[in-house]
Amino acid sequence: MKRQATEETSSSHSCSASPTTNDSEQQQHVENSEAKKPKLETLYDTHHLSIPHNPHYCHFWEHDLFRVMSKYFPQLKELKDKTPVPTPKSEQDHEMIRKAQKEGVGLSEKEKHKEKQYYTVQRRMAYFLIDEIFKQSPIRCCPYCWLNIDYCICKQMVFPWRENKHLDTFVSEPSEELNSVREHCEKPSELQSDEPRLKIILLMHAKEFFRKSNTGKILMDTLPKGFVEIYLVDVEAHEIEFKEKYYGQELTYLLFPSEDALDLDQTLVEQIKQKQMDLSKEMWKDQENYSTTNKRPMKSINLIIVDSTWQQAKHVLKALCNKKDLPNRLKFDQSKVVHLYQQKEPIFNLLRKQTEKDRTSTLECALLCMFLFDLYSSEFSKPLLYNLKLLVVTMHKMCHKALNFND
């Protein structure tokens, strides 16, 4: 009887303690699940801290994209401080639409359509950044090269005018080509201390920014800060900033093979460089502090390159072309539209076949311009081509296709 009473007592104690145990287990489970939730500072692999990425490129996607999207998705600001990551929901979307409709009283149908287009692009950007970058999943993308995390090429990329010490850590058996490119990149240059004399301005379709095979992002990350800028079409803040900085500028040219485009041959190149010198001299007159012995800054030549598929280019050009039915969008002087009259067989065609012979990747297009203007081609051609080959080979590996380049 005593044993039975003991068992009953034990049983009663066990039953009475059960809820407490379950509560503690549930609390422990919640704490474990919270601990497993990815925090923003842990999402970026630590090896990127040792890789000399272009700081302007890092700032572009880490801060600028959140800035331009915050108008439409204010809750994305929480991404920098809180977990789990807030996700845009349909209810919030409807709320934003209702708010836009209230604030947009009196807008024309064209303005309402433009606002809707802006909103749609921001919504897609928000979903992409949240789903593919800021969540730890098997298909998570590297936020720098944008390839699947298992195929990240950042560890093997080479960066000019910067120390590439990351290669000592991540590349155990460097090839002769890699050693040669690295040695070339780490040589000091007289142009390092100067402001860029040739800038590449990428007017990029928003969808193109999310493509893994896009070479414009590789171009910006590879080159030193200040040489490449990216502006996304249908992102209102980017369109306004682009217009303020480059619309109507003397040395700004659009590179596009339209019917009326001028041939960017040696004669036109010399004319542009002469105009660059004349404008620079005028600038020197206004800046008396530059003596004859000091190095004087040069005005920059700005080449705008449309970074998109050829189907998307029509939409991008609507933001530039001079049409009466687009008074509120960006306009561009058709007399400053140029195209490359002479091209080599593009390397990137090994990955993405083009339907026309004169079509090439954004990176190679920028490099050809450097050769034509004889500016930075000797400094940047080797690392750009090496990183482009690295991207093409890796993309083929992702598709389980072997690829070798013949020198």
Protein backbone atom coordinates (compact mmCIF):
# COMPACT_ATOMS: atom_id res chain seq x y z
CA MET A 1 0.00 0.00 0.00
CA LYS A 2 2.82 2.32 0.83
CA ARG A 3 4.48 1.53 -2.48
CA GLN A 4 1.19 2.14 -4.30
CA ALA A 5 0.71 5.45 -2.49
CA THR A 6 4.24 6.42 -3.36
CA GLU A 7 3.66 5.61 -7.01
CA GLU A 8 0.38 7.56 -6.96
CA THR A 9 2.14 10.50 -5.31
CA SER A 10 4.96 10.27 -7.82
CA SER A 11 2.43 10.06 -10.59
CA SER A 12 0.57 13.07 -9.27
CA HIS A 13 3.82 15.00 -8.98
CA SER A 14 4.68 13.98 -12.52
CA CYS A 15 1.29 15.11 -13.80
CA SER A 16 1.47 18.38 -11.93
CA ALA A 17 5.01 19.02 -13.17
CA SER A 18 4.17 18.16 -16.76
CA PRO A 19 2.78 21.56 -17.76
CA THR A 20 5.81 23.31 -16.30
CA THR A 21 8.11 20.97 -18.15
CA ASN A 22 6.23 21.49 -21.40
CA ASP A 23 6.32 25.26 -20.91
CA SER A 24 10.05 25.21 -20.33
CA GLU A 25 10.56 22.95 -23.35
CA GLN A 26 8.46 25.24 -25.50
CA GLN A 27 10.37 28.26 -24.25
CA GLN A 28 13.65 26.50 -24.97
CA HIS A 29 12.39 25.59 -28.44
CA VAL A 30 11.43 29.20 -29.09
CA GLU A 31 14.85 30.40 -27.92
CA ASN A 32 16.58 27.85 -30.14
CA SER A 33 14.46 28.82 -33.12
CA GLU A 34 15.17 32.49 -32.45
CA ALA A 35 18.88 31.70 -32.24
CA LYS A 36 18.69 29.93 -35.58
CA LYS A 37 17.07 32.90 -37.27
CA PRO A 38 19.69 34.63 -39.42
CA LYS A 39 20.78 38.06 -38.33
CA LEU A 40 21.89 40.58 -40.88
CA GLU A 41 25.50 40.71 -39.69
CA THR A 42 25.85 36.91 -40.00
CA LEU A 43 24.36 36.66 -43.47
CA TYR A 44 27.40 38.10 -45.19
CA ASP A 45 30.10 35.49 -45.18
CA THR A 46 33.05 36.67 -43.16
CA HIS A 47 35.50 36.00 -45.98
CA HIS A 48 34.15 39.10 -47.77
CA LEU A 49 35.77 41.25 -45.10
CA SER A 50 39.18 40.34 -46.49
CA ILE A 51 38.21 40.84 -50.15
CA PRO A 52 38.88 44.37 -51.46
CA HIS A 53 35.47 44.97 -53.04
CA ASN A 54 34.73 48.36 -54.56
CA PRO A 55 33.27 50.32 -51.60
CA HIS A 56 30.90 52.22 -53.91
CA TYR A 57 29.49 48.92 -55.18
CA CYS A 58 29.04 47.63 -51.62
CA HIS A 59 27.31 50.84 -50.62
CA PHE A 60 25.05 50.63 -53.68
CA TRP A 61 23.35 47.39 -52.72
CA GLU A 62 23.78 47.56 -48.92
CA HIS A 63 22.35 51.07 -48.47
CA ASP A 64 21.13 52.64 -51.69
CA LEU A 65 18.67 49.90 -52.63
CA PHE A 66 17.13 50.04 -49.17
CA ARG A 67 16.96 53.82 -49.40
CA VAL A 68 15.07 53.85 -52.70
CA MET A 69 12.71 51.09 -51.58
CA SER A 70 11.89 52.61 -48.20
CA LYS A 71 9.34 54.92 -49.80
CA TYR A 72 7.24 51.93 -50.77
CA PHE A 73 8.22 49.45 -48.05
CA PRO A 74 9.06 51.36 -44.85
CA GLN A 75 9.23 48.08 -42.90
CA LEU A 76 12.42 47.15 -44.78
CA LYS A 77 14.28 49.58 -42.52
CA GLU A 78 13.82 47.02 -39.76
CA LEU A 79 16.04 44.67 -41.73
CA LYS A 80 19.15 46.32 -40.34
CA ASP A 81 18.16 45.78 -36.69
CA LYS A 82 15.60 43.03 -36.25
CA THR A 83 15.02 39.40 -37.04
CA PRO A 84 13.14 37.62 -38.46
CA VAL A 85 13.38 39.51 -41.71
CA PRO A 86 10.17 41.43 -42.45
CA THR A 87 8.51 40.32 -45.66
CA PRO A 88 6.22 42.45 -47.84
CA LYS A 89 2.69 41.07 -47.60
CA SER A 90 -0.33 41.57 -49.78
CA GLU A 91 -2.13 43.53 -47.03
CA GLN A 92 0.77 45.94 -46.79
CA ASP A 93 0.83 46.21 -50.57
CA HIS A 94 -2.86 47.16 -50.62
CA GLU A 95 -2.26 49.66 -47.83
CA MET A 96 0.52 51.31 -49.81
CA ILE A 97 -1.69 51.43 -52.91
CA ARG A 98 -4.52 53.04 -50.94
CA LYS A 99 -2.07 55.54 -49.47
CA ALA A 100 -0.69 56.36 -52.92
CA GLN A 101 -4.21 56.84 -54.22
CA LYS A 102 -5.06 59.27 -51.41
CA GLU A 103 -1.84 61.23 -51.90
CA GLY A 104 -2.19 61.05 -55.66
CA VAL A 105 -5.49 62.91 -55.90
CA GLY A 106 -5.35 65.11 -58.95
CA LEU A 107 -2.63 63.12 -60.73
CA SER A 108 -3.06 62.40 -64.41
CA GLU A 109 -3.45 58.85 -65.65
CA LYS A 110 0.11 58.96 -67.00
CA GLU A 111 1.49 60.00 -63.61
CA LYS A 112 -0.53 57.31 -61.83
CA HIS A 113 0.82 54.73 -64.28
CA LYS A 114 4.39 55.91 -63.64
CA GLU A 115 3.85 55.67 -59.87
CA LYS A 116 2.46 52.16 -60.29
CA GLN A 117 5.51 51.19 -62.39
CA TYR A 118 7.86 52.52 -59.73
CA TYR A 119 5.96 50.63 -57.05
CA THR A 120 6.03 47.36 -59.03
CA VAL A 121 9.80 47.54 -59.52
CA GLN A 122 10.45 48.33 -55.84
CA ARG A 123 8.19 45.44 -54.81
CA ARG A 124 10.13 42.98 -56.96
CA MET A 125 13.47 44.30 -55.66
CA ALA A 126 12.27 43.90 -52.08
CA TYR A 127 11.20 40.31 -52.60
CA PHE A 128 14.46 39.42 -54.32
CA LEU A 129 16.70 40.93 -51.67
CA ILE A 130 14.77 39.27 -48.88
CA ASP A 131 14.28 35.84 -50.43
CA GLU A 132 17.65 35.27 -52.08
CA ILE A 133 20.15 37.24 -50.01
CA PHE A 134 18.99 37.83 -46.48
CA LYS A 135 17.66 34.35 -45.75
CA GLN A 136 19.99 31.42 -45.21
CA SER A 137 18.80 28.82 -47.67
CA PRO A 138 20.48 26.28 -49.98
CA ILE A 139 19.90 28.53 -52.98
CA ARG A 140 21.08 31.71 -51.28
CA CYS A 141 23.02 34.08 -53.51
CA CYS A 142 26.29 35.83 -52.82
CA PRO A 143 25.38 39.52 -52.42
CA TYR A 144 28.48 40.60 -54.35
CA CYS A 145 28.83 38.38 -57.44
CA TRP A 146 25.15 37.28 -57.17
CA LEU A 147 25.93 33.66 -58.03
CA ASN A 148 24.68 30.77 -55.89
CA ILE A 149 26.68 30.80 -52.67
CA ASP A 150 28.39 27.48 -53.50
CA TYR A 151 29.69 29.00 -56.74
CA CYS A 152 30.78 32.39 -55.38
CA ILE A 153 33.68 33.74 -57.46
CA CYS A 154 34.62 36.64 -55.15
CA LYS A 155 37.44 34.64 -53.53
CA GLN A 156 39.17 34.28 -56.91
CA MET A 157 38.53 37.71 -58.38
CA VAL A 158 41.38 40.15 -58.93
CA PHE A 159 41.04 43.87 -58.19
CA PRO A 160 43.29 46.55 -59.75
CA TRP A 161 45.02 49.21 -57.65
CA ARG A 162 44.31 47.18 -54.48
CA GLU A 163 46.18 44.55 -52.51
CA ASN A 164 44.81 41.11 -53.33
CA LYS A 165 45.87 39.33 -50.14
CA HIS A 166 42.66 37.30 -50.15
CA LEU A 167 44.14 35.17 -52.94
CA ASP A 168 46.81 33.87 -50.54
CA THR A 169 44.06 32.55 -48.29
CA PHE A 170 41.49 31.24 -50.74
CA VAL A 171 43.52 30.08 -53.76
CA SER A 172 45.84 27.25 -52.77
CA GLU A 173 47.38 26.66 -56.21
CA PRO A 174 47.23 29.85 -58.26
CA SER A 175 47.75 29.52 -61.99
CA GLU A 176 50.43 31.39 -63.89
CA GLU A 177 47.75 33.59 -65.41
CA LEU A 178 46.40 34.52 -61.97
CA ASN A 179 49.88 35.33 -60.64
CA SER A 180 50.57 37.46 -63.69
CA VAL A 181 47.28 39.37 -63.40
CA ARG A 182 47.78 39.88 -59.67
CA GLU A 183 51.29 41.23 -60.11
CA HIS A 184 49.99 43.57 -62.79
CA CYS A 185 47.14 44.82 -60.57
CA GLU A 186 49.32 45.56 -57.56
CA LYS A 187 51.79 47.71 -59.48
CA PRO A 188 51.49 51.40 -58.54
CA SER A 189 50.16 53.72 -61.25
CA GLU A 190 50.54 57.46 -61.76
CA LEU A 191 46.78 57.67 -62.41
CA GLN A 192 45.78 56.25 -59.03
CA SER A 193 45.73 59.62 -57.30
CA ASP A 194 43.77 61.33 -60.11
CA GLU A 195 40.04 61.65 -60.53
CA PRO A 196 38.73 59.30 -63.27
CA ARG A 197 39.13 60.78 -66.73
CA LEU A 198 36.69 58.28 -68.19
CA LYS A 199 33.53 57.22 -66.34
CA ILE A 200 31.19 54.40 -67.26
CA ILE A 201 27.57 55.19 -66.39
CA LEU A 202 25.38 52.09 -66.48
CA LEU A 203 21.71 52.82 -67.08
CA MET A 204 20.41 49.43 -66.05
CA HIS A 205 17.03 47.79 -66.38
CA ALA A 206 15.85 46.66 -62.94
CA LYS A 207 15.37 43.06 -64.10
CA GLU A 208 18.92 42.98 -65.47
CA PHE A 209 20.31 43.82 -62.05
CA PHE A 210 19.04 40.47 -60.74
CA ARG A 211 20.51 38.35 -63.53
CA LYS A 212 23.37 36.12 -62.43
CA SER A 213 25.03 36.52 -65.83
CA ASN A 214 25.01 40.32 -65.69
CA THR A 215 28.52 41.72 -66.26
CA GLY A 216 27.76 45.31 -65.23
CA LYS A 217 27.97 44.42 -61.53
CA ILE A 218 31.29 42.61 -62.11
CA LEU A 219 32.53 45.71 -63.94
CA MET A 220 31.67 48.05 -61.07
CA ASP A 221 33.04 45.77 -58.37
CA THR A 222 36.31 45.15 -60.23
CA LEU A 223 37.21 48.74 -61.02
CA PRO A 224 38.25 51.21 -58.30
CA LYS A 225 35.65 53.50 -56.79
CA GLY A 226 34.47 56.36 -58.94
CA PHE A 227 34.94 54.71 -62.33
CA VAL A 228 31.50 53.09 -62.65
CA GLU A 229 28.06 54.19 -61.51
CA ILE A 230 24.78 52.27 -61.76
CA TYR A 231 21.34 53.82 -62.13
CA LEU A 232 18.25 51.64 -62.25
CA VAL A 233 15.47 52.65 -64.62
CA ASP A 234 12.02 52.81 -62.97
CA VAL A 235 13.63 53.60 -59.64
CA GLU A 236 12.49 57.17 -59.08
CA ALA A 237 15.40 58.29 -56.91
CA HIS A 238 17.91 56.94 -59.44
CA GLU A 239 16.23 58.65 -62.39
CA ILE A 240 16.22 61.98 -60.58
CA GLU A 241 19.87 61.67 -59.55
CA PHE A 242 20.91 60.60 -63.05
CA LYS A 243 19.11 63.57 -64.59
CA GLU A 244 20.69 66.06 -62.18
CA LYS A 245 24.23 64.75 -62.71
CA TYR A 246 24.44 63.93 -66.41
CA TYR A 247 21.61 65.43 -68.42
CA GLY A 248 22.92 68.27 -70.58
CA GLN A 249 26.59 67.75 -69.67
CA GLU A 250 29.13 68.59 -72.38
CA LEU A 251 31.20 65.42 -72.12
CA THR A 252 28.35 62.92 -71.68
CA TYR A 253 27.65 60.45 -74.51
CA LEU A 254 25.20 57.62 -74.93
CA LEU A 255 26.67 54.43 -76.38
CA PHE A 256 23.96 52.71 -78.41
CA PRO A 257 23.82 51.35 -82.00
CA SER A 258 20.85 53.37 -83.23
CA GLU A 259 20.43 54.32 -86.88
CA ASP A 260 21.47 57.93 -86.31
CA ALA A 261 24.37 57.14 -83.97
CA LEU A 262 27.79 58.55 -84.79
CA ASP A 263 30.71 56.19 -85.35
CA LEU A 264 33.01 56.24 -82.35
CA ASP A 265 36.06 56.13 -84.58
CA GLN A 266 39.46 57.66 -84.03
CA THR A 267 38.41 61.02 -85.46
CA LEU A 268 35.46 61.40 -83.09
CA VAL A 269 37.56 60.16 -80.17
CA GLU A 270 40.16 62.86 -80.83
CA GLN A 271 37.44 65.51 -81.03
CA ILE A 272 36.00 64.40 -77.68
CA LYS A 273 39.44 64.37 -76.04
CA GLN A 274 40.16 67.85 -77.39
CA LYS A 275 36.87 69.08 -75.95
CA GLN A 276 37.86 67.46 -72.66
CA MET A 277 41.14 69.40 -72.68
CA ASP A 278 39.44 72.72 -73.53
CA LEU A 279 36.87 72.35 -70.75
CA SER A 280 39.60 71.34 -68.32
CA LYS A 281 41.59 74.49 -69.15
CA GLU A 282 38.52 76.61 -68.45
CA MET A 283 38.17 74.85 -65.12
CA TRP A 284 41.82 75.56 -64.29
CA LYS A 285 41.29 79.29 -64.88
CA ASP A 286 38.57 79.31 -62.25
CA GLN A 287 40.77 77.43 -59.80
CA GLU A 288 43.77 79.66 -59.19
CA ASN A 289 45.20 77.42 -56.49
CA TYR A 290 46.54 75.04 -59.13
CA SER A 291 50.10 76.03 -59.93
CA THR A 292 52.01 74.92 -62.98
CA THR A 293 53.91 72.36 -60.94
CA ASN A 294 50.85 70.72 -59.40
CA LYS A 295 48.93 68.01 -61.17
CA ARG A 296 45.77 69.51 -62.57
CA PRO A 297 42.51 67.54 -62.63
CA MET A 298 40.87 66.71 -65.94
CA LYS A 299 37.19 66.87 -66.76
CA SER A 300 35.70 63.39 -67.00
CA ILE A 301 34.29 61.86 -70.17
CA ASN A 302 31.02 60.15 -69.24
CA LEU A 303 29.92 57.20 -71.37
CA ILE A 304 26.37 56.00 -70.74
CA ILE A 305 25.88 52.31 -71.51
CA VAL A 306 22.42 50.75 -71.54
CA ASP A 307 22.74 47.58 -69.49
CA SER A 308 19.79 45.37 -70.39
CA THR A 309 18.65 42.72 -72.82
CA TRP A 310 17.87 43.99 -76.27
CA GLN A 311 14.17 43.51 -75.64
CA GLN A 312 14.41 45.61 -72.45
CA ALA A 313 16.50 48.31 -74.15
CA LYS A 314 13.41 49.86 -75.73
CA HIS A 315 11.97 50.52 -72.30
CA VAL A 316 15.27 51.92 -71.03
CA LEU A 317 15.63 54.24 -74.03
CA LYS A 318 12.21 55.74 -73.37
CA ALA A 319 13.82 57.34 -70.35
CA LEU A 320 16.42 58.98 -72.59
CA CYS A 321 14.92 59.69 -75.99
CA ASN A 322 13.66 63.15 -76.85
CA LYS A 323 9.92 62.60 -77.39
CA LYS A 324 7.11 65.08 -76.80
CA ASP A 325 4.90 62.46 -75.16
CA LEU A 326 7.43 61.94 -72.37
CA PRO A 327 7.89 65.44 -70.91
CA ASN A 328 8.49 64.25 -67.34
CA ARG A 329 11.03 61.55 -68.13
CA LEU A 330 14.70 61.93 -68.90
CA LYS A 331 15.65 63.21 -72.32
CA PHE A 332 18.91 62.91 -74.21
CA ASP A 333 20.45 64.85 -77.07
CA GLN A 334 20.50 62.57 -80.10
CA SER A 335 23.61 64.31 -81.42
CA LYS A 336 25.55 62.68 -78.57
CA VAL A 337 24.58 59.10 -79.38
CA VAL A 338 27.57 57.04 -80.51
CA HIS A 339 28.28 53.40 -81.27
CA LEU A 340 31.30 51.16 -81.61
CA TYR A 341 32.10 50.78 -85.27
CA GLN A 342 34.66 48.03 -84.79
CA GLN A 343 34.43 45.07 -82.44
CA LYS A 344 36.14 41.77 -81.75
CA GLU A 345 34.43 38.46 -81.09
CA PRO A 346 32.97 38.84 -77.58
CA ILE A 347 34.13 36.40 -74.91
CA PHE A 348 30.74 36.48 -73.27
CA ASN A 349 29.10 34.97 -76.36
CA LEU A 350 30.46 31.65 -75.15
CA LEU A 351 27.88 31.84 -72.40
CA ARG A 352 25.01 33.84 -73.85
CA LYS A 353 24.67 33.72 -77.62
CA GLN A 354 23.76 36.98 -79.33
CA THR A 355 21.53 37.21 -82.39
CA GLU A 356 23.60 39.98 -83.99
CA LYS A 357 27.35 40.21 -84.55
CA ASP A 358 27.72 43.72 -83.12
CA ARG A 359 26.21 42.81 -79.76
CA THR A 360 28.51 42.31 -76.83
CA SER A 361 28.49 42.23 -73.04
CA THR A 362 28.48 45.40 -70.95
CA LEU A 363 31.92 44.71 -69.48
CA GLU A 364 33.55 44.15 -72.86
CA CYS A 365 31.82 47.21 -74.26
CA ALA A 366 33.32 49.35 -71.49
CA LEU A 367 36.74 47.81 -72.05
CA LEU A 368 36.61 48.55 -75.80
CA CYS A 369 35.87 52.18 -74.97
CA MET A 370 38.94 52.31 -72.74
CA PHE A 371 41.06 51.08 -75.64
CA LEU A 372 39.52 53.61 -78.06
CA PHE A 373 40.17 56.54 -75.71
CA ASP A 374 43.53 55.11 -74.65
CA LEU A 375 42.52 55.58 -71.02
CA TYR A 376 43.06 52.89 -68.37
CA SER A 377 43.14 50.03 -70.88
CA SER A 378 46.63 48.96 -69.85
CA GLU A 379 45.69 49.15 -66.15
CA PHE A 380 42.28 47.47 -66.23
CA SER A 381 42.14 45.13 -69.24
CA LYS A 382 43.83 42.15 -67.59
CA PRO A 383 41.75 42.01 -64.39
CA LEU A 384 38.50 42.71 -66.26
CA LEU A 385 39.07 39.94 -68.78
CA TYR A 386 40.24 37.54 -66.08
CA ASN A 387 37.15 38.15 -63.95
CA LEU A 388 34.90 37.87 -67.01
CA LYS A 389 36.42 34.49 -67.89
CA LEU A 390 35.98 33.43 -64.28
CA LEU A 391 32.28 34.32 -64.45
CA VAL A 392 31.75 32.49 -67.75
CA VAL A 393 33.54 29.32 -66.61
CA THR A 394 31.66 29.30 -63.29
CA MET A 395 28.30 29.81 -64.99
CA HIS A 396 29.07 26.79 -67.18
CA LYS A 397 29.94 24.76 -64.10
CA MET A 398 26.61 25.69 -62.59
CA CYS A 399 25.00 24.33 -65.74
CA HIS A 400 27.25 21.22 -65.52
CA LYS A 401 29.03 22.07 -68.74
CA ALA A 402 32.79 22.01 -69.07
CA LEU A 403 34.47 25.00 -70.67
CA ASN A 404 38.10 25.84 -71.34
CA PHE A 405 39.53 28.94 -72.95
CA ASN A 406 42.20 28.57 -75.58
CA ASP A 407 44.81 31.26 -75.30
